[in-house]
Amino acid sequence: NLGNTNEAMSAYNKVIELNPDFATVYLFIGVLQFQKENYIKAKEYYTKAIEKDKKMIDAYFNRGQIVFSTKTTDKKELNSALEDFKTATKLDAKFIDAYYSTAVIYKNLGEYHLAIKELDKILAIDEQAVNARALKKLLIKKYLN
């Protein structure tokens, strides 16, 4: 948080030496790499965190988020991110950000009805979810009318 990335990396490496199976450290290294815009390395570390702990929700979510930072239009990458977000929502049925990210990917894939289904899940959790309501309105008005 203080911007001392070299010190952070040194500390993370020490943690790995002491406990190479500690999944959280790989998540944190992934976040560090993501902040440095090293998206390939970030994805590798998020994947390593998931390998160590199949229930690490944040690693699935963060790995999926990479598609938005890279602005990819590659369907394989989008579908991979979609699976990460779906896994995150299976692990936490109230993970609104993961539902929203799923909806955005469905929108990008032209699957507008599926996007609306995801947005409806958000609105069932939080009726006041402004972003979900706005995106749903846009999808209906622009793509489904």
Protein backbone atom coordinates (compact mmCIF):
# COMPACT_ATOMS: atom_id res chain seq x y z
CA ASN A 1 0.00 0.00 0.00
CA LEU A 2 2.92 2.34 0.57
CA GLY A 3 4.36 1.71 -2.87
CA ASN A 4 7.33 -0.30 -1.63
CA THR A 5 6.86 -3.06 -4.16
CA ASN A 6 10.39 -4.42 -3.84
CA GLU A 7 10.03 -4.74 -0.07
CA ALA A 8 6.62 -6.33 -0.50
CA MET A 9 7.97 -8.84 -3.00
CA SER A 10 10.84 -9.67 -0.69
CA ALA A 11 8.41 -10.30 2.16
CA TYR A 12 6.17 -12.42 -0.08
CA ASN A 13 9.16 -14.53 -1.15
CA LYS A 14 10.05 -15.07 2.51
CA VAL A 15 6.48 -16.27 3.15
CA ILE A 16 6.77 -18.71 0.23
CA GLU A 17 10.05 -20.03 1.68
CA LEU A 18 8.35 -20.60 5.02
CA ASN A 19 5.07 -21.95 3.65
CA PRO A 20 4.93 -22.62 -0.10
CA ASP A 21 1.33 -23.83 0.19
CA PHE A 22 -0.02 -20.55 1.62
CA ALA A 23 -2.43 -19.58 -1.16
CA THR A 24 -2.99 -16.02 0.01
CA VAL A 25 0.60 -15.01 -0.70
CA TYR A 26 0.16 -15.93 -4.38
CA LEU A 27 -3.02 -13.85 -4.48
CA PHE A 28 -1.12 -10.87 -3.06
CA ILE A 29 1.73 -11.30 -5.55
CA GLY A 30 -0.90 -11.43 -8.29
CA VAL A 31 -2.34 -8.14 -7.05
CA LEU A 32 1.14 -6.64 -7.01
CA GLN A 33 1.78 -7.79 -10.58
CA PHE A 34 -1.65 -6.52 -11.65
CA GLN A 35 -0.87 -3.08 -10.20
CA LYS A 36 2.35 -3.07 -12.23
CA GLU A 37 0.25 -3.98 -15.31
CA ASN A 38 2.08 -7.31 -15.63
CA TYR A 39 -1.17 -9.06 -16.50
CA ILE A 40 0.35 -12.34 -17.67
CA LYS A 41 2.28 -12.71 -14.42
CA ALA A 42 -0.74 -11.60 -12.39
CA LYS A 43 -2.81 -14.32 -14.05
CA GLU A 44 -0.12 -16.90 -13.30
CA TYR A 45 -0.10 -15.97 -9.61
CA TYR A 46 -3.89 -15.94 -9.35
CA THR A 47 -3.89 -19.38 -10.94
CA LYS A 48 -1.27 -20.56 -8.46
CA ALA A 49 -3.42 -19.26 -5.59
CA ILE A 50 -6.39 -21.21 -6.97
CA GLU A 51 -4.26 -24.35 -7.31
CA LYS A 52 -3.37 -24.03 -3.63
CA ASP A 53 -6.94 -23.20 -2.52
CA LYS A 54 -9.83 -24.06 -4.85
CA LYS A 55 -12.16 -21.87 -2.76
CA MET A 56 -10.16 -18.64 -3.05
CA ILE A 57 -12.93 -16.40 -4.34
CA ASP A 58 -10.78 -13.30 -4.76
CA ALA A 59 -8.29 -15.15 -6.96
CA TYR A 60 -11.06 -16.24 -9.34
CA PHE A 61 -12.53 -12.74 -9.40
CA ASN A 62 -9.19 -10.99 -9.89
CA ARG A 63 -8.13 -13.40 -12.62
CA GLY A 64 -11.38 -12.72 -14.44
CA GLN A 65 -10.92 -8.96 -14.09
CA ILE A 66 -7.78 -9.09 -16.22
CA VAL A 67 -9.93 -9.19 -19.39
CA PHE A 68 -11.23 -5.72 -18.59
CA SER A 69 -7.74 -4.29 -18.05
CA THR A 70 -6.41 -5.80 -21.26
CA LYS A 71 -9.59 -4.84 -23.15
CA THR A 72 -9.46 -8.16 -24.96
CA THR A 73 -12.13 -9.16 -27.44
CA ASP A 74 -10.82 -12.71 -27.71
CA LYS A 75 -13.78 -15.03 -27.11
CA LYS A 76 -11.62 -17.69 -25.49
CA GLU A 77 -10.31 -15.17 -22.94
CA LEU A 78 -13.79 -13.75 -22.33
CA ASN A 79 -15.23 -17.22 -21.78
CA SER A 80 -12.38 -18.08 -19.42
CA ALA A 81 -13.11 -14.94 -17.39
CA LEU A 82 -16.80 -15.84 -17.48
CA GLU A 83 -16.00 -19.19 -15.87
CA ASP A 84 -13.94 -17.45 -13.18
CA PHE A 85 -16.83 -15.12 -12.33
CA LYS A 86 -19.31 -18.01 -12.30
CA THR A 87 -17.05 -19.92 -9.92
CA ALA A 88 -16.80 -16.87 -7.68
CA THR A 89 -20.60 -16.59 -7.51
CA LYS A 90 -20.93 -20.32 -6.81
CA LEU A 91 -18.59 -19.85 -3.87
CA ASP A 92 -20.39 -16.67 -2.74
CA ALA A 93 -23.99 -16.38 -3.94
CA LYS A 94 -24.09 -12.68 -2.96
CA PHE A 95 -20.94 -11.56 -4.78
CA ILE A 96 -22.51 -8.64 -6.63
CA ASP A 97 -19.30 -7.51 -8.37
CA ALA A 98 -18.84 -10.98 -9.89
CA TYR A 99 -22.44 -11.02 -11.16
CA TYR A 100 -21.94 -7.56 -12.65
CA SER A 101 -18.69 -8.59 -14.35
CA THR A 102 -20.47 -11.68 -15.72
CA ALA A 103 -23.21 -9.44 -17.13
CA VAL A 104 -20.65 -7.17 -18.80
CA ILE A 105 -18.94 -10.12 -20.46
CA TYR A 106 -22.28 -11.48 -21.66
CA LYS A 107 -22.98 -8.01 -23.08
CA ASN A 108 -19.60 -8.00 -24.83
CA LEU A 109 -20.39 -11.42 -26.28
CA GLY A 110 -23.77 -10.19 -27.54
CA GLU A 111 -25.66 -12.43 -25.09
CA TYR A 112 -27.98 -9.67 -23.89
CA HIS A 113 -30.66 -11.89 -22.35
CA LEU A 114 -28.02 -13.71 -20.30
CA ALA A 115 -26.57 -10.36 -19.21
CA ILE A 116 -30.01 -9.28 -17.99
CA LYS A 117 -30.38 -12.54 -16.04
CA GLU A 118 -27.14 -11.75 -14.19
CA LEU A 119 -28.27 -8.20 -13.50
CA ASP A 120 -31.56 -9.53 -12.15
CA LYS A 121 -29.57 -11.66 -9.70
CA ILE A 122 -27.92 -8.48 -8.44
CA LEU A 123 -31.24 -6.69 -8.13
CA ALA A 124 -32.64 -9.63 -6.15
CA ILE A 125 -29.78 -9.16 -3.67
CA ASP A 126 -29.87 -5.36 -3.66
CA GLU A 127 -32.86 -3.55 -5.18
CA GLN A 128 -30.92 -0.28 -5.06
CA ALA A 129 -27.96 -1.52 -7.16
CA VAL A 130 -27.70 1.55 -9.37
CA ASN A 131 -25.11 0.19 -11.83
CA ALA A 132 -27.06 -3.02 -12.39
CA ARG A 133 -30.30 -1.11 -12.92
CA ALA A 134 -28.62 1.30 -15.36
CA LEU A 135 -26.94 -1.45 -17.40
CA LYS A 136 -30.18 -3.42 -17.55
CA LYS A 137 -32.04 -0.36 -18.81
CA LEU A 138 -29.35 0.26 -21.45
CA LEU A 139 -29.43 -3.35 -22.64
CA ILE A 140 -33.20 -3.37 -22.97
CA LYS A 141 -33.37 0.01 -24.66
CA LYS A 142 -30.37 -0.31 -27.00
CA TYR A 143 -30.16 -4.01 -27.82
CA LEU A 144 -33.52 -5.64 -27.15
CA ASN A 145 -36.00 -3.10 -28.55
